């Protein structure tokens, strides 16, 4: 089954520009090969206040997403130090 990926508006405007081009390409490849084919197979579920969301690790970066049917909603692509506070703020 192929999944469609949709991005939170802040991902393209705030999350991706500070990341260097090589890492952006690596993240893009991971999303295309993993999240678009089997997101729950490659991702790990988050707990507590982020229950229902998943994370995909790409180096020191985390892609936080939610799966609803055949759509994968990417909420954040951030460095592991900052990702969870940012995601919590975006879902409120």
PDB file of N, CA and C in Angstrom:
ATOM      1  N   UNK A   1       0.839  -1.180   0.000  1.00  0.00           N
ATOM      2  CA  UNK A   1       0.000   0.000   0.000  1.00  0.00           C
ATOM      3  C   UNK A   1       0.888   1.249   0.000  1.00  0.00           C
ATOM      4  N   UNK A   2       0.570   2.179  -0.842  1.00  0.00           N
ATOM      5  CA  UNK A   2       1.329   3.431  -0.903  1.00  0.00           C
ATOM      6  C   UNK A   2       0.630   4.491  -0.042  1.00  0.00           C
ATOM      7  N   UNK A   3       1.410   5.219   0.691  1.00  0.00           N
ATOM      8  CA  UNK A   3       0.886   6.280   1.547  1.00  0.00           C
ATOM      9  C   UNK A   3       1.187   7.635   0.927  1.00  0.00           C
ATOM     10  N   UNK A   4       0.328   8.597   1.217  1.00  0.00           N
ATOM     11  CA  UNK A   4       0.525   9.975   0.791  1.00  0.00           C
ATOM     12  C   UNK A   4       1.075  10.749   1.983  1.00  0.00           C
ATOM     13  N   UNK A   5       2.064  11.590   1.752  1.00  0.00           N
ATOM     14  CA  UNK A   5       2.670  12.375   2.829  1.00  0.00           C
ATOM     15  C   UNK A   5       2.208  13.826   2.708  1.00  0.00           C
ATOM     16  N   UNK A   6       1.710  14.360   3.822  1.00  0.00           N
ATOM     17  CA  UNK A   6       1.320  15.772   3.891  1.00  0.00           C
ATOM     18  C   UNK A   6       2.106  16.403   5.028  1.00  0.00           C
ATOM     19  N   UNK A   7       2.545  17.640   4.803  1.00  0.00           N
ATOM     20  CA  UNK A   7       3.415  18.323   5.765  1.00  0.00           C
ATOM     21  C   UNK A   7       2.682  19.445   6.490  1.00  0.00           C
ATOM     22  N   UNK A   8       2.995  19.602   7.756  1.00  0.00           N
ATOM     23  CA  UNK A   8       2.536  20.760   8.529  1.00  0.00           C
ATOM     24  C   UNK A   8       3.168  21.993   7.881  1.00  0.00           C
ATOM     25  N   UNK A   9       2.474  23.123   7.824  1.00  0.00           N
ATOM     26  CA  UNK A   9       3.045  24.320   7.169  1.00  0.00           C
ATOM     27  C   UNK A   9       4.399  24.764   7.729  1.00  0.00           C
ATOM     28  N   UNK A  10       4.648  24.561   9.009  1.00  0.00           N
ATOM     29  CA  UNK A  10       5.916  24.980   9.611  1.00  0.00           C
ATOM     30  C   UNK A  10       7.098  24.112   9.203  1.00  0.00           C
ATOM     31  N   UNK A  11       6.842  22.919   8.687  1.00  0.00           N
ATOM     32  CA  UNK A  11       7.949  22.031   8.311  1.00  0.00           C
ATOM     33  C   UNK A  11       8.769  22.655   7.193  1.00  0.00           C
ATOM     34  N   UNK A  12       8.110  23.093   6.136  1.00  0.00           N
ATOM     35  CA  UNK A  12       8.842  23.642   4.987  1.00  0.00           C
ATOM     36  C   UNK A  12       9.374  25.041   5.252  1.00  0.00           C
ATOM     37  N   UNK A  13       8.666  25.832   6.069  1.00  0.00           N
ATOM     38  CA  UNK A  13       9.110  27.208   6.285  1.00  0.00           C
ATOM     39  C   UNK A  13      10.111  27.342   7.434  1.00  0.00           C
ATOM     40  N   UNK A  14       9.997  26.524   8.484  1.00  0.00           N
ATOM     41  CA  UNK A  14      10.862  26.682   9.658  1.00  0.00           C
ATOM     42  C   UNK A  14      11.842  25.533   9.879  1.00  0.00           C
ATOM     43  N   UNK A  15      11.411  24.313   9.635  1.00  0.00           N
ATOM     44  CA  UNK A  15      12.238  23.157   9.995  1.00  0.00           C
ATOM     45  C   UNK A  15      13.345  22.863   8.987  1.00  0.00           C
ATOM     46  N   UNK A  16      13.039  22.891   7.711  1.00  0.00           N
ATOM     47  CA  UNK A  16      14.015  22.470   6.702  1.00  0.00           C
ATOM     48  C   UNK A  16      15.110  23.483   6.364  1.00  0.00           C
ATOM     49  N   UNK A  17      14.843  24.788   6.288  1.00  0.00           N
ATOM     50  CA  UNK A  17      15.918  25.715   5.885  1.00  0.00           C
ATOM     51  C   UNK A  17      17.207  25.648   6.697  1.00  0.00           C
ATOM     52  N   UNK A  18      17.186  25.491   8.027  1.00  0.00           N
ATOM     53  CA  UNK A  18      18.463  25.458   8.750  1.00  0.00           C
ATOM     54  C   UNK A  18      19.264  24.158   8.574  1.00  0.00           C
ATOM     55  N   UNK A  19      18.642  23.116   8.046  1.00  0.00           N
ATOM     56  CA  UNK A  19      19.318  21.826   7.881  1.00  0.00           C
ATOM     57  C   UNK A  19      20.168  21.870   6.615  1.00  0.00           C
ATOM     58  N   UNK A  20      21.401  21.357   6.691  1.00  0.00           N
ATOM     59  CA  UNK A  20      22.276  21.406   5.513  1.00  0.00           C
ATOM     60  C   UNK A  20      21.727  20.509   4.395  1.00  0.00           C
ATOM     61  N   UNK A  21      22.145  20.785   3.168  1.00  0.00           N
ATOM     62  CA  UNK A  21      21.581  20.142   1.982  1.00  0.00           C
ATOM     63  C   UNK A  21      21.762  18.623   1.982  1.00  0.00           C
ATOM     64  N   UNK A  22      22.899  18.155   2.443  1.00  0.00           N
ATOM     65  CA  UNK A  22      23.160  16.713   2.458  1.00  0.00           C
ATOM     66  C   UNK A  22      22.189  15.993   3.396  1.00  0.00           C
ATOM     67  N   UNK A  23      21.954  16.566   4.568  1.00  0.00           N
ATOM     68  CA  UNK A  23      21.029  15.962   5.527  1.00  0.00           C
ATOM     69  C   UNK A  23      19.587  16.077   5.039  1.00  0.00           C
ATOM     70  N   UNK A  24      19.239  17.198   4.405  1.00  0.00           N
ATOM     71  CA  UNK A  24      17.885  17.335   3.842  1.00  0.00           C
ATOM     72  C   UNK A  24      17.604  16.243   2.826  1.00  0.00           C
ATOM     73  N   UNK A  25      18.590  15.930   1.992  1.00  0.00           N
ATOM     74  CA  UNK A  25      18.426  14.872   0.992  1.00  0.00           C
ATOM     75  C   UNK A  25      18.275  13.515   1.670  1.00  0.00           C
ATOM     76  N   UNK A  26      19.037  13.284   2.714  1.00  0.00           N
ATOM     77  CA  UNK A  26      18.931  12.024   3.453  1.00  0.00           C
ATOM     78  C   UNK A  26      17.553  11.869   4.100  1.00  0.00           C
ATOM     79  N   UNK A  27      17.028  12.957   4.657  1.00  0.00           N
ATOM     80  CA  UNK A  27      15.694  12.943   5.263  1.00  0.00           C
ATOM     81  C   UNK A  27      14.637  12.706   4.190  1.00  0.00           C
ATOM     82  N   UNK A  28      14.787  13.367   3.050  1.00  0.00           N
ATOM     83  CA  UNK A  28      13.837  13.193   1.941  1.00  0.00           C
ATOM     84  C   UNK A  28      13.807  11.731   1.484  1.00  0.00           C
ATOM     85  N   UNK A  29      14.977  11.131   1.343  1.00  0.00           N
ATOM     86  CA  UNK A  29      15.059   9.717   0.932  1.00  0.00           C
ATOM     87  C   UNK A  29      14.385   8.812   1.955  1.00  0.00           C
ATOM     88  N   UNK A  30      14.601   9.093   3.238  1.00  0.00           N
ATOM     89  CA  UNK A  30      14.001   8.276   4.292  1.00  0.00           C
ATOM     90  C   UNK A  30      12.480   8.379   4.261  1.00  0.00           C
ATOM     91  N   UNK A  31      11.966   9.575   4.034  1.00  0.00           N
ATOM     92  CA  UNK A  31      10.515   9.754   3.949  1.00  0.00           C
ATOM     93  C   UNK A  31       9.963   9.011   2.743  1.00  0.00           C
ATOM     94  N   UNK A  32      10.632   9.130   1.600  1.00  0.00           N
ATOM     95  CA  UNK A  32      10.145   8.476   0.386  1.00  0.00           C
ATOM     96  C   UNK A  32      10.218   6.958   0.467  1.00  0.00           C
ATOM     97  N   UNK A  33      11.281   6.420   1.059  1.00  0.00           N
ATOM     98  CA  UNK A  33      11.431   4.970   1.080  1.00  0.00           C
ATOM     99  C   UNK A  33      10.750   4.309   2.267  1.00  0.00           C
ATOM    100  N   UNK A  34      10.635   5.006   3.382  1.00  0.00           N
ATOM    101  CA  UNK A  34      10.069   4.390   4.579  1.00  0.00           C
ATOM    102  C   UNK A  34       8.646   4.825   4.861  1.00  0.00           C
ATOM    103  N   UNK A  35       8.430   6.129   4.974  1.00  0.00           N
ATOM    104  CA  UNK A  35       7.092   6.600   5.356  1.00  0.00           C
ATOM    105  C   UNK A  35       6.066   6.406   4.256  1.00  0.00           C
ATOM    106  N   UNK A  36       6.484   6.450   3.013  1.00  0.00           N
ATOM    107  CA  UNK A  36       5.520   6.294   1.928  1.00  0.00           C
ATOM    108  C   UNK A  36       5.201   4.821   1.656  1.00  0.00           C
ATOM    109  N   UNK A  37       5.975   3.908   2.228  1.00  0.00           N
ATOM    110  CA  UNK A  37       5.708   2.492   2.000  1.00  0.00           C
ATOM    111  C   UNK A  37       5.132   1.799   3.236  1.00  0.00           C
ATOM    112  N   UNK A  38       5.780   1.942   4.389  1.00  0.00           N
ATOM    113  CA  UNK A  38       5.324   1.267   5.610  1.00  0.00           C
ATOM    114  C   UNK A  38       5.703   2.086   6.842  1.00  0.00           C
ATOM    115  N   UNK A  39       4.992   3.185   7.111  1.00  0.00           N
ATOM    116  CA  UNK A  39       5.401   4.084   8.190  1.00  0.00           C
ATOM    117  C   UNK A  39       5.428   3.438   9.572  1.00  0.00           C
ATOM    118  N   UNK A  40       4.484   2.562   9.867  1.00  0.00           N
ATOM    119  CA  UNK A  40       4.435   1.980  11.204  1.00  0.00           C
ATOM    120  C   UNK A  40       5.438   0.840  11.373  1.00  0.00           C
ATOM    121  N   UNK A  41       5.986   0.381  10.281  1.00  0.00           N
ATOM    122  CA  UNK A  41       7.023  -0.638  10.348  1.00  0.00           C
ATOM    123  C   UNK A  41       8.377  -0.009  10.683  1.00  0.00           C
ATOM    124  N   UNK A  42       8.638   1.167  10.142  1.00  0.00           N
ATOM    125  CA  UNK A  42       9.924   1.835  10.337  1.00  0.00           C
ATOM    126  C   UNK A  42       9.932   2.805  11.510  1.00  0.00           C
ATOM    127  N   UNK A  43       8.780   3.361  11.844  1.00  0.00           N
ATOM    128  CA  UNK A  43       8.715   4.342  12.919  1.00  0.00           C
ATOM    129  C   UNK A  43       8.542   3.692  14.282  1.00  0.00           C
ATOM    130  N   UNK A  44       8.776   4.473  15.313  1.00  0.00           N
ATOM    131  CA  UNK A  44       8.551   4.027  16.685  1.00  0.00           C
ATOM    132  C   UNK A  44       7.450   4.883  17.298  1.00  0.00           C
ATOM    133  N   UNK A  45       6.508   4.271  18.015  1.00  0.00           N
ATOM    134  CA  UNK A  45       5.421   5.064  18.611  1.00  0.00           C
ATOM    135  C   UNK A  45       5.932   5.928  19.759  1.00  0.00           C
ATOM    136  N   UNK A  46       5.353   7.107  19.870  1.00  0.00           N
ATOM    137  CA  UNK A  46       5.682   8.007  20.974  1.00  0.00           C
ATOM    138  C   UNK A  46       4.697   7.763  22.113  1.00  0.00           C
ATOM    139  N   UNK A  47       5.049   8.208  23.305  1.00  0.00           N
ATOM    140  CA  UNK A  47       4.229   7.939  24.479  1.00  0.00           C
ATOM    141  C   UNK A  47       3.805   9.228  25.160  1.00  0.00           C
ATOM    142  N   UNK A  48       3.078   9.067  26.236  1.00  0.00           N
ATOM    143  CA  UNK A  48       2.595  10.145  27.111  1.00  0.00           C
ATOM    144  C   UNK A  48       1.786  11.163  26.336  1.00  0.00           C
ATOM    145  N   UNK A  49       2.158  12.447  26.392  1.00  0.00           N
ATOM    146  CA  UNK A  49       1.347  13.480  25.749  1.00  0.00           C
ATOM    147  C   UNK A  49       1.430  13.439  24.223  1.00  0.00           C
ATOM    148  N   UNK A  50       2.328  12.638  23.660  1.00  0.00           N
ATOM    149  CA  UNK A  50       2.428  12.488  22.208  1.00  0.00           C
ATOM    150  C   UNK A  50       1.955  11.104  21.764  1.00  0.00           C
ATOM    151  N   UNK A  51       1.143  10.462  22.581  1.00  0.00           N
ATOM    152  CA  UNK A  51       0.587   9.166  22.215  1.00  0.00           C
ATOM    153  C   UNK A  51      -0.224   9.285  20.933  1.00  0.00           C
ATOM    154  N   UNK A  52      -0.116   8.319  20.046  1.00  0.00           N
ATOM    155  CA  UNK A  52      -0.791   8.372  18.751  1.00  0.00           C
ATOM    156  C   UNK A  52       0.105   8.906  17.647  1.00  0.00           C
ATOM    157  N   UNK A  53       1.240   9.481  18.031  1.00  0.00           N
ATOM    158  CA  UNK A  53       2.213   9.994  17.062  1.00  0.00           C
ATOM    159  C   UNK A  53       3.392   9.027  16.994  1.00  0.00           C
ATOM    160  N   UNK A  54       4.135   9.129  15.919  1.00  0.00           N
ATOM    161  CA  UNK A  54       5.274   8.246  15.675  1.00  0.00           C
ATOM    162  C   UNK A  54       6.504   9.083  15.373  1.00  0.00           C
ATOM    163  N   UNK A  55       7.684   8.466  15.512  1.00  0.00           N
ATOM    164  CA  UNK A  55       8.918   9.158  15.143  1.00  0.00           C
ATOM    165  C   UNK A  55       9.728   8.261  14.220  1.00  0.00           C
ATOM    166  N   UNK A  56      10.440   8.900  13.319  1.00  0.00           N
ATOM    167  CA  UNK A  56      11.387   8.221  12.446  1.00  0.00           C
ATOM    168  C   UNK A  56      12.730   8.880  12.680  1.00  0.00           C
ATOM    169  N   UNK A  57      13.732   8.098  13.024  1.00  0.00           N
ATOM    170  CA  UNK A  57      15.067   8.624  13.305  1.00  0.00           C
ATOM    171  C   UNK A  57      15.876   8.655  12.016  1.00  0.00           C
ATOM    172  N   UNK A  58      16.447   9.834  11.727  1.00  0.00           N
ATOM    173  CA  UNK A  58      17.356   9.997  10.583  1.00  0.00           C
ATOM    174  C   UNK A  58      18.568  10.748  11.118  1.00  0.00           C
ATOM    175  N   UNK A  59      19.602  10.018  11.499  1.00  0.00           N
ATOM    176  CA  UNK A  59      20.775  10.638  12.116  1.00  0.00           C
ATOM    177  C   UNK A  59      20.383  11.299  13.426  1.00  0.00           C
ATOM    178  N   UNK A  60      20.748  12.563  13.607  1.00  0.00           N
ATOM    179  CA  UNK A  60      20.388  13.308  14.812  1.00  0.00           C
ATOM    180  C   UNK A  60      19.040  14.005  14.678  1.00  0.00           C
ATOM    181  N   UNK A  61      18.340  13.789  13.588  1.00  0.00           N
ATOM    182  CA  UNK A  61      17.056  14.424  13.349  1.00  0.00           C
ATOM    183  C   UNK A  61      15.920  13.438  13.547  1.00  0.00           C
ATOM    184  N   UNK A  62      14.760  13.975  13.908  1.00  0.00           N
ATOM    185  CA  UNK A  62      13.574  13.155  14.093  1.00  0.00           C
ATOM    186  C   UNK A  62      12.458  13.702  13.207  1.00  0.00           C
ATOM    187  N   UNK A  63      11.781  12.784  12.551  1.00  0.00           N
ATOM    188  CA  UNK A  63      10.591  13.117  11.774  1.00  0.00           C
ATOM    189  C   UNK A  63       9.421  12.619  12.608  1.00  0.00           C
ATOM    190  N   UNK A  64       8.589  13.534  13.089  1.00  0.00           N
ATOM    191  CA  UNK A  64       7.428  13.157  13.899  1.00  0.00           C
ATOM    192  C   UNK A  64       6.207  13.187  12.989  1.00  0.00           C
ATOM    193  N   UNK A  65       5.449  12.092  13.013  1.00  0.00           N
ATOM    194  CA  UNK A  65       4.321  11.969  12.095  1.00  0.00           C
ATOM    195  C   UNK A  65       3.152  11.246  12.734  1.00  0.00           C
ATOM    196  N   UNK A  66       2.014  11.344  12.070  1.00  0.00           N
ATOM    197  CA  UNK A  66       0.798  10.658  12.493  1.00  0.00           C
ATOM    198  C   UNK A  66       0.213   9.983  11.265  1.00  0.00           C
ATOM    199  N   UNK A  67      -0.261   8.766  11.419  1.00  0.00           N
ATOM    200  CA  UNK A  67      -0.842   8.016  10.311  1.00  0.00           C
ATOM    201  C   UNK A  67      -2.347   8.003  10.482  1.00  0.00           C
ATOM    202  N   UNK A  68      -3.056   8.450   9.446  1.00  0.00           N
ATOM    203  CA  UNK A  68      -4.515   8.399   9.431  1.00  0.00           C
ATOM    204  C   UNK A  68      -4.935   7.799   8.101  1.00  0.00           C
ATOM    205  N   UNK A  69      -5.312   6.542   8.124  1.00  0.00           N
ATOM    206  CA  UNK A  69      -5.679   5.853   6.892  1.00  0.00           C
ATOM    207  C   UNK A  69      -4.467   5.686   6.003  1.00  0.00           C
ATOM    208  N   UNK A  70      -4.551   6.231   4.796  1.00  0.00           N
ATOM    209  CA  UNK A  70      -3.439   6.148   3.851  1.00  0.00           C
ATOM    210  C   UNK A  70      -2.647   7.451   3.771  1.00  0.00           C
ATOM    211  N   UNK A  71      -2.851   8.331   4.741  1.00  0.00           N
ATOM    212  CA  UNK A  71      -2.152   9.630   4.760  1.00  0.00           C
ATOM    213  C   UNK A  71      -1.232   9.687   5.971  1.00  0.00           C
ATOM    214  N   UNK A  72       0.004  10.110   5.722  1.00  0.00           N
ATOM    215  CA  UNK A  72       0.990  10.322   6.782  1.00  0.00           C
ATOM    216  C   UNK A  72       1.165  11.834   6.928  1.00  0.00           C
ATOM    217  N   UNK A  73       0.810  12.360   8.095  1.00  0.00           N
ATOM    218  CA  UNK A  73       0.961  13.787   8.376  1.00  0.00           C
ATOM    219  C   UNK A  73       2.280  14.006   9.101  1.00  0.00           C
ATOM    220  N   UNK A  74       3.210  14.713   8.469  1.00  0.00           N
ATOM    221  CA  UNK A  74       4.503  15.027   9.087  1.00  0.00           C
ATOM    222  C   UNK A  74       4.343  16.341   9.845  1.00  0.00           C
ATOM    223  N   UNK A  75       4.526  16.277  11.166  1.00  0.00           N
ATOM    224  CA  UNK A  75       4.340  17.458  12.006  1.00  0.00           C
ATOM    225  C   UNK A  75       5.613  18.232  12.249  1.00  0.00           C
ATOM    226  N   UNK A  76       6.749  17.549  12.229  1.00  0.00           N
ATOM    227  CA  UNK A  76       8.013  18.239  12.495  1.00  0.00           C
ATOM    228  C   UNK A  76       9.187  17.415  11.982  1.00  0.00           C
ATOM    229  N   UNK A  77      10.209  18.122  11.530  1.00  0.00           N
ATOM    230  CA  UNK A  77      11.502  17.534  11.204  1.00  0.00           C
ATOM    231  C   UNK A  77      12.516  18.432  11.904  1.00  0.00           C
ATOM    232  N   UNK A  78      12.960  17.984  13.055  1.00  0.00           N
ATOM    233  CA  UNK A  78      13.823  18.822  13.896  1.00  0.00           C
ATOM    234  C   UNK A  78      14.952  18.006  14.487  1.00  0.00           C
ATOM    235  N   UNK A  79      15.958  18.709  14.993  1.00  0.00           N
ATOM    236  CA  UNK A  79      17.054  18.062  15.721  1.00  0.00           C
ATOM    237  C   UNK A  79      16.466  17.423  16.972  1.00  0.00           C
ATOM    238  N   UNK A  80      17.048  16.336  17.388  1.00  0.00           N
ATOM    239  CA  UNK A  80      16.502  15.567  18.505  1.00  0.00           C
ATOM    240  C   UNK A  80      16.413  16.353  19.804  1.00  0.00           C
ATOM    241  N   UNK A  81      17.231  17.397  19.968  1.00  0.00           N
ATOM    242  CA  UNK A  81      17.194  18.212  21.185  1.00  0.00           C
ATOM    243  C   UNK A  81      15.897  19.007  21.314  1.00  0.00           C
ATOM    244  N   UNK A  82      15.341  19.435  20.170  1.00  0.00           N
ATOM    245  CA  UNK A  82      14.226  20.382  20.196  1.00  0.00           C
ATOM    246  C   UNK A  82      12.902  19.819  19.706  1.00  0.00           C
ATOM    247  N   UNK A  83      12.911  18.644  19.135  1.00  0.00           N
ATOM    248  CA  UNK A  83      11.742  18.181  18.404  1.00  0.00           C
ATOM    249  C   UNK A  83      10.498  18.013  19.276  1.00  0.00           C
ATOM    250  N   UNK A  84      10.618  17.469  20.462  1.00  0.00           N
ATOM    251  CA  UNK A  84       9.435  17.121  21.224  1.00  0.00           C
ATOM    252  C   UNK A  84       8.714  18.341  21.795  1.00  0.00           C
ATOM    253  N   UNK A  85       9.451  19.383  22.216  1.00  0.00           N
ATOM    254  CA  UNK A  85       8.793  20.614  22.661  1.00  0.00           C
ATOM    255  C   UNK A  85       8.064  21.276  21.491  1.00  0.00           C
ATOM    256  N   UNK A  86       8.707  21.286  20.331  1.00  0.00           N
ATOM    257  CA  UNK A  86       8.115  21.918  19.154  1.00  0.00           C
ATOM    258  C   UNK A  86       6.844  21.198  18.709  1.00  0.00           C
ATOM    259  N   UNK A  87       6.872  19.886  18.728  1.00  0.00           N
ATOM    260  CA  UNK A  87       5.694  19.117  18.313  1.00  0.00           C
ATOM    261  C   UNK A  87       4.557  19.338  19.293  1.00  0.00           C
ATOM    262  N   UNK A  88       4.877  19.342  20.571  1.00  0.00           N
ATOM    263  CA  UNK A  88       3.841  19.576  21.591  1.00  0.00           C
ATOM    264  C   UNK A  88       3.171  20.924  21.368  1.00  0.00           C
ATOM    265  N   UNK A  89       3.952  21.943  21.034  1.00  0.00           N
ATOM    266  CA  UNK A  89       3.398  23.270  20.768  1.00  0.00           C
ATOM    267  C   UNK A  89       2.534  23.270  19.503  1.00  0.00           C
ATOM    268  N   UNK A  90       2.920  22.500  18.485  1.00  0.00           N
ATOM    269  CA  UNK A  90       2.175  22.484  17.221  1.00  0.00           C
ATOM    270  C   UNK A  90       0.836  21.745  17.314  1.00  0.00           C
ATOM    271  N   UNK A  91       0.732  20.771  18.185  1.00  0.00           N
ATOM    272  CA  UNK A  91      -0.526  20.030  18.250  1.00  0.00           C
ATOM    273  C   UNK A  91      -1.558  20.677  19.167  1.00  0.00           C
ATOM    274  N   UNK A  92      -1.168  21.711  19.889  1.00  0.00           N
ATOM    275  CA  UNK A  92      -2.121  22.397  20.787  1.00  0.00           C
ATOM    276  C   UNK A  92      -2.943  23.411  20.050  1.00  0.00           C
TER     277      UNK A  92
END
